[in-house]
Protein backbone atom coordinates (compact mmCIF):
# COMPACT_ATOMS: atom_id res chain seq x y z
CA MET A 1 -87.94 -144.93 -110.22
CA LYS A 2 -88.77 -148.60 -110.22
CA GLU A 3 -87.88 -151.03 -112.97
CA GLY A 4 -87.23 -148.35 -115.58
CA LYS A 5 -90.75 -146.96 -115.55
CA GLY A 6 -90.29 -143.59 -113.87
CA SER A 7 -92.69 -141.80 -111.61
CA SER A 8 -96.36 -141.67 -112.57
CA LEU A 9 -96.67 -138.30 -110.86
CA VAL A 10 -93.97 -136.81 -113.09
CA TYR A 11 -95.73 -138.13 -116.21
CA LEU A 12 -99.04 -136.73 -115.01
CA LEU A 13 -97.66 -133.30 -114.11
CA VAL A 14 -95.72 -132.92 -117.36
CA VAL A 15 -98.78 -133.84 -119.43
CA LEU A 16 -101.15 -131.61 -117.43
CA LEU A 17 -98.84 -128.60 -117.58
CA CYS A 18 -98.33 -129.05 -121.32
CA LEU A 19 -102.07 -129.42 -121.90
CA ALA A 20 -102.67 -126.23 -119.92
CA ALA A 21 -100.08 -124.45 -122.10
CA PHE A 22 -101.81 -125.84 -125.19
CA ALA A 23 -105.21 -124.59 -123.97
CA PHE A 24 -103.80 -121.14 -123.29
CA ALA A 25 -102.22 -121.00 -126.75
CA ILE A 26 -105.52 -121.95 -128.42
CA ALA A 27 -107.41 -119.39 -126.32
CA ALA A 28 -104.84 -116.73 -127.26
CA GLU A 29 -105.31 -117.48 -130.95
CA ARG A 30 -109.06 -117.19 -130.65
CA ARG A 31 -108.87 -113.88 -128.76
CA ARG A 32 -106.19 -112.08 -130.81
CA SER A 33 -106.50 -108.30 -130.96
CA ARG A 34 -107.92 -106.93 -134.15
CA GLY A 35 -107.77 -103.27 -135.08
CA ASN A 36 -110.17 -101.10 -137.02
CA VAL A 37 -109.18 -97.84 -138.67
CA ILE A 38 -111.23 -94.91 -137.33
CA GLN A 39 -111.27 -91.49 -138.98
CA ASP A 40 -111.98 -88.65 -136.58
CA GLU A 41 -113.49 -85.86 -138.65
CA ALA A 42 -113.32 -83.26 -135.86
CA THR A 43 -109.53 -83.44 -135.40
CA ASN A 44 -108.74 -84.83 -138.87
CA THR A 45 -106.74 -87.74 -137.42
CA THR A 46 -106.76 -91.41 -138.17
CA TYR A 47 -106.33 -93.90 -135.38
CA CYS A 48 -106.80 -97.58 -134.58
CA ALA A 49 -109.37 -98.97 -132.22
CA TYR A 50 -108.40 -102.44 -130.99
CA SER A 51 -110.50 -105.21 -129.56
CA SER A 52 -109.69 -106.83 -126.22
CA ASP A 53 -106.04 -107.45 -125.33
CA VAL A 54 -106.65 -110.65 -123.38
CA ALA A 55 -104.68 -112.77 -125.87
CA THR A 56 -101.44 -111.30 -124.55
CA GLY A 57 -102.20 -112.68 -121.09
CA TYR A 58 -103.16 -116.05 -122.54
CA GLY A 59 -99.90 -116.19 -124.51
CA VAL A 60 -97.86 -115.39 -121.40
CA GLY A 61 -99.87 -117.99 -119.45
CA GLY A 62 -99.06 -120.64 -122.07
CA PHE A 63 -95.42 -119.59 -121.95
CA LEU A 64 -95.29 -119.98 -118.16
CA PHE A 65 -97.07 -123.37 -118.10
CA LEU A 66 -94.72 -124.77 -120.72
CA LEU A 67 -91.74 -123.35 -118.84
CA SER A 68 -93.00 -125.03 -115.65
CA SER A 69 -93.37 -128.37 -117.42
CA GLU A 70 -89.86 -128.25 -118.86
CA SER A 71 -88.38 -127.05 -115.56
CA LEU A 72 -90.08 -129.87 -113.66
CA LEU A 73 -88.79 -132.53 -116.02
CA MET A 74 -85.27 -131.12 -116.14
CA GLY A 75 -85.25 -130.84 -112.35
CA VAL A 76 -86.32 -134.45 -111.91
CA THR A 77 -83.81 -135.77 -114.46
CA LYS A 78 -81.13 -133.29 -113.35
CA CYS A 79 -80.94 -132.13 -116.96
CA MET A 80 -79.42 -135.52 -117.82
CA CYS A 81 -75.97 -134.06 -117.17
CA PHE A 82 -75.81 -134.06 -113.39
CA GLY A 83 -76.43 -137.07 -111.22
CA ARG A 84 -75.95 -140.73 -112.01
CA PRO A 85 -74.47 -141.59 -115.39
CA LEU A 86 -76.67 -143.36 -117.92
CA ALA A 87 -75.99 -146.98 -118.78
CA PRO A 88 -74.44 -147.49 -122.20
CA GLY A 89 -76.78 -148.89 -124.78
CA ASN A 90 -79.94 -148.27 -126.73
CA SER A 91 -81.78 -146.47 -123.91
CA ARG A 92 -78.99 -143.95 -123.46
CA ALA A 93 -78.92 -143.18 -127.19
CA TRP A 94 -82.68 -142.60 -127.27
CA THR A 95 -82.47 -140.51 -124.10
CA ILE A 96 -79.94 -138.19 -125.73
CA ILE A 97 -81.97 -137.94 -128.96
CA TYR A 98 -85.19 -137.15 -127.10
CA PHE A 99 -83.39 -134.72 -124.80
CA PHE A 100 -82.13 -132.55 -127.66
CA SER A 101 -85.37 -132.87 -129.65
CA SER A 102 -87.34 -131.88 -126.58
CA TRP A 103 -85.22 -128.79 -126.01
CA LEU A 104 -85.48 -127.78 -129.66
CA THR A 105 -89.28 -127.98 -129.71
CA PHE A 106 -89.44 -126.29 -126.30
CA LEU A 107 -87.44 -123.30 -127.57
CA VAL A 108 -89.56 -123.00 -130.73
CA ALA A 109 -92.83 -123.24 -128.77
CA GLU A 110 -91.67 -120.67 -126.23
CA ALA A 111 -90.52 -118.34 -129.02
CA CYS A 112 -93.91 -118.59 -130.75
CA LEU A 113 -95.84 -117.95 -127.55
CA LEU A 114 -93.65 -115.08 -126.40
CA ALA A 115 -93.44 -113.45 -129.84
CA GLY A 116 -97.20 -113.79 -130.25
CA ALA A 117 -97.87 -112.23 -126.87
CA THR A 118 -95.44 -109.39 -127.53
CA LYS A 119 -96.74 -108.66 -131.02
CA ASN A 120 -100.34 -108.87 -129.82
CA ALA A 121 -99.59 -106.29 -127.12
CA TYR A 122 -98.12 -103.86 -129.64
CA HIS A 123 -100.78 -101.52 -130.95
CA THR A 124 -100.48 -98.66 -133.37
CA LYS A 125 -102.28 -95.92 -131.51
CA TYR A 126 -102.52 -92.65 -133.41
CA ARG A 127 -101.43 -91.44 -136.77
CA HIS A 128 -101.71 -87.68 -137.38
CA MET A 129 -102.08 -87.79 -141.12
CA ILE A 130 -104.66 -86.12 -143.25
CA TYR A 131 -104.08 -88.38 -146.25
CA ALA A 132 -103.80 -91.85 -144.78
CA GLN A 133 -104.94 -93.96 -147.68
CA ASN A 134 -102.73 -96.99 -146.98
CA PHE A 135 -103.03 -96.79 -143.23
CA SER A 136 -103.53 -100.15 -141.54
CA CYS A 137 -103.69 -101.21 -137.96
CA GLU A 138 -100.91 -103.60 -137.09
CA SER A 139 -102.05 -106.83 -135.53
CA LEU A 140 -100.70 -110.31 -134.95
CA ARG A 141 -100.73 -112.62 -137.94
CA LYS A 142 -103.09 -115.51 -137.74
CA GLY A 143 -101.46 -118.79 -136.74
CA VAL A 144 -98.59 -117.68 -134.49
CA PHE A 145 -100.25 -119.02 -131.36
CA ILE A 146 -101.40 -122.12 -133.28
CA ALA A 147 -97.79 -122.85 -134.23
CA GLY A 148 -96.88 -122.48 -130.58
CA ALA A 149 -99.71 -124.87 -129.61
CA VAL A 150 -98.52 -127.49 -132.11
CA PHE A 151 -94.97 -127.31 -130.78
CA VAL A 152 -96.29 -127.56 -127.21
CA ILE A 153 -97.95 -130.89 -128.05
CA VAL A 154 -94.86 -132.17 -129.86
CA ASN A 155 -92.76 -131.09 -126.89
CA MET A 156 -95.08 -132.93 -124.50
CA ILE A 157 -94.73 -136.16 -126.49
CA LEU A 158 -90.95 -135.83 -126.70
CA ASN A 159 -90.73 -135.08 -122.97
CA VAL A 160 -92.68 -138.23 -122.11
CA TYR A 161 -90.42 -140.36 -124.31
CA TYR A 162 -87.35 -138.64 -122.92
CA TYR A 163 -88.43 -139.49 -119.38
CA ILE A 164 -89.28 -143.10 -120.31
CA TYR A 165 -85.86 -143.73 -121.83
CA PHE A 166 -84.09 -141.78 -119.07
CA ALA A 167 -85.76 -144.01 -116.47
CA LYS A 168 -84.72 -147.12 -118.42
CA ALA A 169 -81.14 -145.93 -118.79
CA THR A 170 -80.74 -145.05 -115.11
CA SER A 171 -82.42 -148.23 -113.85
CA SER A 172 -80.29 -150.46 -116.07
CA GLN A 173 -77.22 -148.67 -114.72
CA THR A 174 -78.41 -149.41 -111.16
CA ASP A 175 -79.13 -153.05 -112.04
CA SER A 176 -75.67 -153.54 -113.51
CA MET A 177 -74.06 -151.97 -110.42
CA LYS A 178 -76.00 -154.34 -108.16
CA ALA A 179 -74.97 -157.32 -110.29
CA ASN A 180 -71.33 -156.28 -110.13
CA ARG A 181 -71.44 -155.93 -106.38
CA SER A 182 -73.06 -159.30 -105.77
CA SER A 183 -70.69 -161.19 -108.08
CA SER A 184 -67.59 -159.58 -106.71
CA THR A 185 -65.11 -162.17 -105.50
CA VAL A 186 -62.57 -159.83 -104.05
CA GLY A 187 -62.14 -160.54 -100.42
CA MET A 188 -59.62 -160.69 -97.71
CA THR A 189 -58.45 -164.08 -96.86
CA GLY A 190 -56.11 -164.60 -94.03
CA TYR A 191 -53.05 -166.78 -94.45
CA ARG A 192 -51.25 -167.65 -91.23
């Protein structure tokens, strides 16, 4: 990391992985399973016929892309806890704020994507009831994947700011160490 800017490749990968997770979340919302109640007159049973289940795969794909993005950033920054200490000051304070905000939005986004994928995969198959007047096919509520997509974008923004301030805090720590070394006057002088 030069001059507190961070690596352009890390920025690019974090943004691309988050955008892929966002695209998967939007695709999952558009392809949610919907069920229709079917009455079989021959066997006198009521059952649900569901549309395609591809949204579950899209939800899991979004989950995995977001997990990859967060893992990459935490691996590069060593989760802010391991490695070089951050320099005291404004950059360290913002790094800590963005770190915790990023993790909070990451957990909410992952919960939305995983819960949406799980609920979308759950289908009420058969109901052996003759009088099924209030029978409904369970399906995922509209907006669960959209909420996940919104939190993915917020997480992406917070991750970028976290990395910016992390790079500033670590580079200012390095600069102060170099300044201390060059101005050091401790030496060994020989008196005879």
